[in-house]
Structures are given as structure tokens and as C-alpha cells.
Amino acid sequence: MNTATITKQYRLNKWIEIVRECRSSGQTVSAWCAQNHINLKSYYYWLKRVREAACETLPALQPQNLPIVPVDFSASPTVQNFPESSHTTSEILIHMGAVTLEIRNHASATLIEHTLRALQHVR
């Protein structure tokens, strides 16, 4: 490893620690930064860099590499529709054996479409 890489890793580790301390403090970011004499813009820059580093360590998921997990549904699905006046947080509940799928009122059309497509591949 060269010194630039070591320096980058050292800074990233310090920023991770700062973000953890702030998040676990129970205070707002601005209050915690003021108490610890940290510039708010610096904190958000460090947070951005920590998030970028975390994303870089995740394996790349390609649609063709996504595994299809077989699920055994012993019973056929039952669907419950709730009227809009209902006080439940879910608009639709789908029960398939031991699995329950809840579709909430604010679910996007894209999310619902992808979920239903995934259900088509369940064996």
C-alpha cells in the first residue's frame, strides 16, 4: 500500500467514527456538530464520503446474477382488499402459506409491478 491509500483509509475511518458518534448521540446533526465544534458542511461532506465508500464495497448486482429463491407455498394465495376508510396501514394483504405480502397505500406503481413480476417466478 502507498501512503496516499493509507491516508485515505485513515481519514475514512475517522469520518466513520465521527458519523457514528453523531448518530448515536440522540441529538440533531446541527446540535451535535455545534457541541463538538465541527463545521456542518464538513460533517455532511464526510457523511457523503462514508456513504460512497460503503456503496463501493457492496457487490455489484446485475439482473442476470440475481438468484431466484424457491419458495414453497402450501396454500393458494388469498387477497384481502380494504376500503379506503379502513384504519389499517396496508391497502392489500396477500397471504401465501406462511408468507404475507402487504402493499401500502403509498407504494409506487413501479414497486408494485416489480413485486408482482417477482411473484410470477415463485415456484
N, C-alpha and C. Protein backbone atom coordinates (compact mmCIF):
# COMPACT_ATOMS: atom_id res chain seq x y z
N MET A 1 0.84 -1.18 0.00
CA MET A 1 0.00 0.00 0.00
C MET A 1 0.88 1.25 0.00
N ASN A 2 0.44 2.25 -0.72
CA ASN A 2 1.19 3.50 -0.73
C ASN A 2 0.63 4.47 0.31
N THR A 3 1.34 5.54 0.54
CA THR A 3 0.93 6.48 1.60
C THR A 3 -0.39 7.16 1.30
N ALA A 4 -0.67 7.41 0.03
CA ALA A 4 -1.95 8.05 -0.33
C ALA A 4 -3.13 7.15 0.04
N THR A 5 -3.00 5.86 -0.22
CA THR A 5 -4.06 4.92 0.10
C THR A 5 -4.24 4.81 1.61
N ILE A 6 -3.13 4.75 2.33
CA ILE A 6 -3.20 4.66 3.79
C ILE A 6 -3.83 5.93 4.38
N THR A 7 -3.44 7.08 3.85
CA THR A 7 -4.01 8.35 4.32
C THR A 7 -5.51 8.40 4.07
N LYS A 8 -5.91 7.97 2.88
CA LYS A 8 -7.34 7.96 2.53
C LYS A 8 -8.12 7.05 3.49
N GLN A 9 -7.58 5.87 3.76
CA GLN A 9 -8.24 4.93 4.65
C GLN A 9 -8.31 5.47 6.08
N TYR A 10 -7.22 6.12 6.52
CA TYR A 10 -7.19 6.70 7.86
C TYR A 10 -8.28 7.77 8.01
N ARG A 11 -8.36 8.65 7.02
CA ARG A 11 -9.39 9.71 7.06
C ARG A 11 -10.78 9.12 7.05
N LEU A 12 -10.99 8.12 6.19
CA LEU A 12 -12.30 7.48 6.11
C LEU A 12 -12.68 6.86 7.46
N ASN A 13 -11.74 6.21 8.11
CA ASN A 13 -12.02 5.62 9.43
C ASN A 13 -12.38 6.68 10.46
N LYS A 14 -11.69 7.83 10.42
CA LYS A 14 -12.01 8.93 11.34
C LYS A 14 -13.42 9.46 11.06
N TRP A 15 -13.75 9.61 9.79
CA TRP A 15 -15.07 10.12 9.41
C TRP A 15 -16.17 9.15 9.83
N ILE A 16 -15.92 7.86 9.67
CA ILE A 16 -16.88 6.85 10.09
C ILE A 16 -17.14 6.98 11.59
N GLU A 17 -16.09 7.14 12.35
CA GLU A 17 -16.22 7.29 13.80
C GLU A 17 -17.02 8.55 14.15
N ILE A 18 -16.76 9.63 13.46
CA ILE A 18 -17.49 10.88 13.71
C ILE A 18 -18.98 10.71 13.41
N VAL A 19 -19.28 10.09 12.28
CA VAL A 19 -20.68 9.86 11.89
C VAL A 19 -21.36 8.96 12.92
N ARG A 20 -20.68 7.91 13.36
CA ARG A 20 -21.25 7.01 14.37
C ARG A 20 -21.53 7.75 15.67
N GLU A 21 -20.57 8.55 16.10
CA GLU A 21 -20.77 9.31 17.35
C GLU A 21 -21.97 10.24 17.24
N CYS A 22 -22.08 10.93 16.11
CA CYS A 22 -23.19 11.85 15.91
C CYS A 22 -24.52 11.10 15.91
N ARG A 23 -24.59 10.02 15.16
CA ARG A 23 -25.83 9.25 15.05
C ARG A 23 -26.25 8.64 16.37
N SER A 24 -25.29 8.20 17.17
CA SER A 24 -25.64 7.55 18.43
C SER A 24 -25.87 8.54 19.57
N SER A 25 -25.63 9.83 19.32
CA SER A 25 -25.78 10.83 20.38
C SER A 25 -27.23 11.13 20.74
N GLY A 26 -28.13 10.89 19.80
CA GLY A 26 -29.53 11.22 20.04
C GLY A 26 -29.85 12.68 19.76
N GLN A 27 -28.83 13.46 19.40
CA GLN A 27 -29.03 14.88 19.08
C GLN A 27 -29.24 15.05 17.58
N THR A 28 -29.70 16.23 17.22
CA THR A 28 -29.75 16.55 15.80
C THR A 28 -28.32 16.74 15.32
N VAL A 29 -28.12 16.62 14.01
CA VAL A 29 -26.78 16.78 13.45
C VAL A 29 -26.23 18.16 13.75
N SER A 30 -27.06 19.18 13.57
CA SER A 30 -26.58 20.55 13.80
C SER A 30 -26.22 20.79 15.26
N ALA A 31 -27.00 20.26 16.18
CA ALA A 31 -26.70 20.44 17.60
C ALA A 31 -25.42 19.69 17.98
N TRP A 32 -25.27 18.46 17.48
CA TRP A 32 -24.07 17.68 17.79
C TRP A 32 -22.82 18.34 17.22
N CYS A 33 -22.92 18.82 15.98
CA CYS A 33 -21.77 19.47 15.35
C CYS A 33 -21.39 20.74 16.11
N ALA A 34 -22.36 21.53 16.53
CA ALA A 34 -22.08 22.75 17.29
C ALA A 34 -21.41 22.42 18.61
N GLN A 35 -21.91 21.40 19.28
CA GLN A 35 -21.34 20.99 20.57
C GLN A 35 -19.90 20.49 20.42
N ASN A 36 -19.60 19.84 19.28
CA ASN A 36 -18.28 19.25 19.06
C ASN A 36 -17.39 20.11 18.17
N HIS A 37 -17.82 21.34 17.91
CA HIS A 37 -17.03 22.30 17.13
C HIS A 37 -16.65 21.75 15.75
N ILE A 38 -17.65 21.17 15.08
CA ILE A 38 -17.46 20.62 13.74
C ILE A 38 -18.33 21.43 12.78
N ASN A 39 -17.72 21.86 11.70
CA ASN A 39 -18.44 22.60 10.67
C ASN A 39 -19.49 21.67 10.05
N LEU A 40 -20.72 22.15 9.96
CA LEU A 40 -21.82 21.35 9.44
C LEU A 40 -21.56 20.89 8.01
N LYS A 41 -20.99 21.76 7.18
CA LYS A 41 -20.68 21.38 5.80
C LYS A 41 -19.62 20.28 5.76
N SER A 42 -18.66 20.35 6.67
CA SER A 42 -17.63 19.29 6.74
C SER A 42 -18.27 17.96 7.12
N TYR A 43 -19.17 18.00 8.11
CA TYR A 43 -19.83 16.76 8.53
C TYR A 43 -20.56 16.12 7.35
N TYR A 44 -21.33 16.90 6.61
CA TYR A 44 -22.09 16.33 5.50
C TYR A 44 -21.17 15.87 4.37
N TYR A 45 -20.04 16.52 4.18
CA TYR A 45 -19.05 16.05 3.20
C TYR A 45 -18.52 14.69 3.64
N TRP A 46 -18.17 14.57 4.93
CA TRP A 46 -17.66 13.31 5.44
C TRP A 46 -18.71 12.21 5.33
N LEU A 47 -19.96 12.54 5.64
CA LEU A 47 -21.05 11.58 5.54
C LEU A 47 -21.19 11.08 4.10
N LYS A 48 -21.09 12.01 3.16
CA LYS A 48 -21.18 11.63 1.75
C LYS A 48 -20.05 10.68 1.37
N ARG A 49 -18.84 10.98 1.82
CA ARG A 49 -17.70 10.13 1.50
C ARG A 49 -17.83 8.75 2.16
N VAL A 50 -18.35 8.69 3.37
CA VAL A 50 -18.57 7.41 4.06
C VAL A 50 -19.60 6.58 3.29
N ARG A 51 -20.67 7.22 2.86
CA ARG A 51 -21.70 6.50 2.09
C ARG A 51 -21.16 6.00 0.77
N GLU A 52 -20.37 6.82 0.09
CA GLU A 52 -19.77 6.40 -1.18
C GLU A 52 -18.86 5.19 -0.97
N ALA A 53 -18.06 5.22 0.08
CA ALA A 53 -17.17 4.10 0.38
C ALA A 53 -17.97 2.83 0.68
N ALA A 54 -19.07 2.99 1.39
CA ALA A 54 -19.91 1.84 1.70
C ALA A 54 -20.51 1.25 0.43
N CYS A 55 -20.93 2.10 -0.47
CA CYS A 55 -21.51 1.63 -1.74
C CYS A 55 -20.47 0.93 -2.59
N GLU A 56 -19.24 1.41 -2.55
CA GLU A 56 -18.17 0.79 -3.34
C GLU A 56 -17.84 -0.61 -2.86
N THR A 57 -18.07 -0.88 -1.58
CA THR A 57 -17.76 -2.21 -1.04
C THR A 57 -18.86 -3.22 -1.30
N LEU A 58 -20.04 -2.76 -1.69
CA LEU A 58 -21.14 -3.68 -1.99
C LEU A 58 -20.88 -4.38 -3.31
N PRO A 59 -21.23 -5.65 -3.40
CA PRO A 59 -21.07 -6.34 -4.68
C PRO A 59 -22.06 -5.78 -5.70
N ALA A 60 -21.62 -5.72 -6.93
CA ALA A 60 -22.50 -5.23 -7.99
C ALA A 60 -23.57 -6.26 -8.27
N LEU A 61 -24.82 -5.84 -8.24
CA LEU A 61 -25.93 -6.73 -8.51
C LEU A 61 -26.41 -6.50 -9.93
N GLN A 62 -26.31 -7.51 -10.72
CA GLN A 62 -26.75 -7.44 -12.10
C GLN A 62 -28.01 -8.29 -12.21
N PRO A 63 -28.99 -7.86 -13.01
CA PRO A 63 -30.24 -8.61 -13.08
C PRO A 63 -30.04 -10.09 -13.40
N GLN A 64 -29.09 -10.42 -14.26
CA GLN A 64 -28.88 -11.81 -14.62
C GLN A 64 -28.22 -12.60 -13.50
N ASN A 65 -27.61 -11.91 -12.52
CA ASN A 65 -26.94 -12.59 -11.41
C ASN A 65 -27.82 -12.71 -10.18
N LEU A 66 -29.00 -12.12 -10.20
CA LEU A 66 -29.88 -12.18 -9.04
C LEU A 66 -30.47 -13.58 -8.92
N PRO A 67 -30.28 -14.20 -7.78
CA PRO A 67 -30.81 -15.56 -7.63
C PRO A 67 -32.32 -15.53 -7.43
N ILE A 68 -32.96 -16.55 -7.93
CA ILE A 68 -34.38 -16.74 -7.68
C ILE A 68 -34.46 -17.76 -6.56
N VAL A 69 -35.04 -17.34 -5.47
CA VAL A 69 -35.13 -18.21 -4.30
C VAL A 69 -36.45 -18.96 -4.37
N PRO A 70 -36.37 -20.29 -4.40
CA PRO A 70 -37.63 -21.04 -4.44
C PRO A 70 -38.36 -20.93 -3.11
N VAL A 71 -39.66 -20.70 -3.20
CA VAL A 71 -40.50 -20.60 -2.01
C VAL A 71 -41.63 -21.59 -2.17
N ASP A 72 -41.83 -22.42 -1.17
CA ASP A 72 -42.88 -23.41 -1.23
C ASP A 72 -44.13 -22.85 -0.57
N PHE A 73 -45.17 -22.64 -1.35
CA PHE A 73 -46.43 -22.15 -0.83
C PHE A 73 -47.41 -23.32 -0.80
N SER A 74 -47.74 -23.74 0.39
CA SER A 74 -48.61 -24.89 0.52
C SER A 74 -50.06 -24.56 0.21
N ALA A 75 -50.44 -23.32 0.38
CA ALA A 75 -51.82 -22.91 0.14
C ALA A 75 -51.86 -21.90 -1.00
N SER A 76 -52.99 -21.83 -1.67
CA SER A 76 -53.12 -20.83 -2.73
C SER A 76 -53.28 -19.45 -2.09
N PRO A 77 -52.88 -18.39 -2.80
CA PRO A 77 -52.93 -17.05 -2.22
C PRO A 77 -54.36 -16.59 -1.94
N THR A 78 -54.52 -15.85 -0.87
CA THR A 78 -55.77 -15.17 -0.59
C THR A 78 -55.48 -13.68 -0.58
N VAL A 79 -56.36 -12.93 -1.15
CA VAL A 79 -56.17 -11.49 -1.26
C VAL A 79 -57.27 -10.79 -0.49
N GLN A 80 -56.88 -9.80 0.31
CA GLN A 80 -57.85 -9.01 1.05
C GLN A 80 -57.74 -7.57 0.59
N ASN A 81 -58.83 -6.98 0.18
CA ASN A 81 -58.87 -5.56 -0.16
C ASN A 81 -59.56 -4.83 0.98
N PHE A 82 -58.98 -3.71 1.39
CA PHE A 82 -59.55 -2.92 2.47
C PHE A 82 -60.13 -1.65 1.88
N PRO A 83 -61.29 -1.22 2.36
CA PRO A 83 -61.85 0.05 1.88
C PRO A 83 -60.99 1.21 2.35
N GLU A 84 -61.09 2.33 1.66
CA GLU A 84 -60.27 3.50 1.98
C GLU A 84 -60.53 4.02 3.38
N SER A 85 -61.69 3.77 3.93
CA SER A 85 -61.99 4.28 5.26
C SER A 85 -61.36 3.42 6.36
N SER A 86 -60.77 2.32 5.97
CA SER A 86 -60.14 1.44 6.96
C SER A 86 -58.96 2.13 7.62
N HIS A 87 -58.70 1.80 8.87
CA HIS A 87 -57.62 2.43 9.62
C HIS A 87 -56.33 1.64 9.52
N THR A 88 -56.27 0.66 8.64
CA THR A 88 -55.05 -0.13 8.50
C THR A 88 -54.03 0.62 7.65
N THR A 89 -52.78 0.28 7.81
CA THR A 89 -51.75 0.94 7.03
C THR A 89 -51.53 0.26 5.68
N SER A 90 -52.13 -0.92 5.49
CA SER A 90 -51.98 -1.65 4.23
C SER A 90 -53.29 -1.61 3.46
N GLU A 91 -53.17 -1.39 2.17
CA GLU A 91 -54.34 -1.40 1.31
C GLU A 91 -54.65 -2.83 0.87
N ILE A 92 -53.59 -3.63 0.61
CA ILE A 92 -53.77 -5.00 0.15
C ILE A 92 -52.88 -5.92 0.98
N LEU A 93 -53.43 -7.04 1.42
CA LEU A 93 -52.68 -8.10 2.09
C LEU A 93 -52.82 -9.36 1.26
N ILE A 94 -51.69 -10.00 0.93
CA ILE A 94 -51.71 -11.26 0.20
C ILE A 94 -51.05 -12.30 1.11
N HIS A 95 -51.81 -13.35 1.45
CA HIS A 95 -51.28 -14.43 2.28
C HIS A 95 -51.02 -15.63 1.40
N MET A 96 -49.79 -16.15 1.46
CA MET A 96 -49.43 -17.36 0.72
C MET A 96 -48.74 -18.29 1.71
N GLY A 97 -49.47 -19.20 2.28
CA GLY A 97 -48.89 -20.07 3.29
C GLY A 97 -48.45 -19.24 4.48
N ALA A 98 -47.16 -19.35 4.82
CA ALA A 98 -46.62 -18.63 5.97
C ALA A 98 -46.16 -17.23 5.61
N VAL A 99 -46.26 -16.85 4.35
CA VAL A 99 -45.77 -15.56 3.88
C VAL A 99 -46.93 -14.59 3.71
N THR A 100 -46.74 -13.35 4.17
CA THR A 100 -47.73 -12.30 3.99
C THR A 100 -47.08 -11.14 3.26
N LEU A 101 -47.68 -10.68 2.20
CA LEU A 101 -47.21 -9.53 1.44
C LEU A 101 -48.19 -8.39 1.68
N GLU A 102 -47.68 -7.26 2.16
CA GLU A 102 -48.52 -6.08 2.40
C GLU A 102 -48.15 -5.01 1.39
N ILE A 103 -49.12 -4.48 0.71
CA ILE A 103 -48.90 -3.37 -0.21
C ILE A 103 -49.56 -2.15 0.40
N ARG A 104 -48.76 -1.17 0.69
CA ARG A 104 -49.23 0.03 1.38
C ARG A 104 -49.82 1.04 0.39
N ASN A 105 -50.59 1.96 0.93
CA ASN A 105 -51.28 2.96 0.12
C ASN A 105 -50.32 3.80 -0.72
N HIS A 106 -49.14 4.09 -0.17
CA HIS A 106 -48.21 4.98 -0.86
C HIS A 106 -47.21 4.23 -1.74
N ALA A 107 -47.38 2.92 -1.95
CA ALA A 107 -46.46 2.15 -2.78
C ALA A 107 -46.54 2.66 -4.22
N SER A 108 -45.38 2.79 -4.85
CA SER A 108 -45.35 3.28 -6.22
C SER A 108 -45.79 2.18 -7.18
N ALA A 109 -46.23 2.59 -8.34
CA ALA A 109 -46.65 1.65 -9.36
C ALA A 109 -45.48 0.76 -9.78
N THR A 110 -44.29 1.33 -9.82
CA THR A 110 -43.10 0.56 -10.20
C THR A 110 -42.82 -0.53 -9.18
N LEU A 111 -42.91 -0.18 -7.89
CA LEU A 111 -42.67 -1.18 -6.85
C LEU A 111 -43.69 -2.30 -6.93
N ILE A 112 -44.94 -1.97 -7.13
CA ILE A 112 -45.99 -2.99 -7.23
C ILE A 112 -45.73 -3.87 -8.45
N GLU A 113 -45.38 -3.25 -9.57
CA GLU A 113 -45.09 -4.01 -10.79
C GLU A 113 -43.94 -4.98 -10.58
N HIS A 114 -42.85 -4.51 -9.98
CA HIS A 114 -41.69 -5.38 -9.75
C HIS A 114 -42.02 -6.50 -8.77
N THR A 115 -42.81 -6.19 -7.76
CA THR A 115 -43.20 -7.21 -6.79
C THR A 115 -44.04 -8.29 -7.45
N LEU A 116 -45.00 -7.89 -8.25
CA LEU A 116 -45.85 -8.86 -8.92
C LEU A 116 -45.07 -9.69 -9.93
N ARG A 117 -44.12 -9.07 -10.61
CA ARG A 117 -43.25 -9.84 -11.52
C ARG A 117 -42.42 -10.86 -10.76
N ALA A 118 -41.91 -10.47 -9.61
CA ALA A 118 -41.12 -11.41 -8.80
C ALA A 118 -41.99 -12.57 -8.33
N LEU A 119 -43.25 -12.28 -7.98
CA LEU A 119 -44.15 -13.34 -7.53
C LEU A 119 -44.45 -14.34 -8.65
N GLN A 120 -44.39 -13.90 -9.90
CA GLN A 120 -44.63 -14.80 -11.02
C GLN A 120 -43.56 -15.88 -11.10
N HIS A 121 -42.36 -15.57 -10.60
CA HIS A 121 -41.25 -16.53 -10.68
C HIS A 121 -41.16 -17.44 -9.48
N VAL A 122 -42.03 -17.23 -8.50
CA VAL A 122 -42.01 -18.08 -7.31
C VAL A 122 -42.61 -19.42 -7.66
N ARG A 123 -41.89 -20.44 -7.30
CA ARG A 123 -42.37 -21.81 -7.61
C ARG A 123 -42.88 -22.48 -6.37
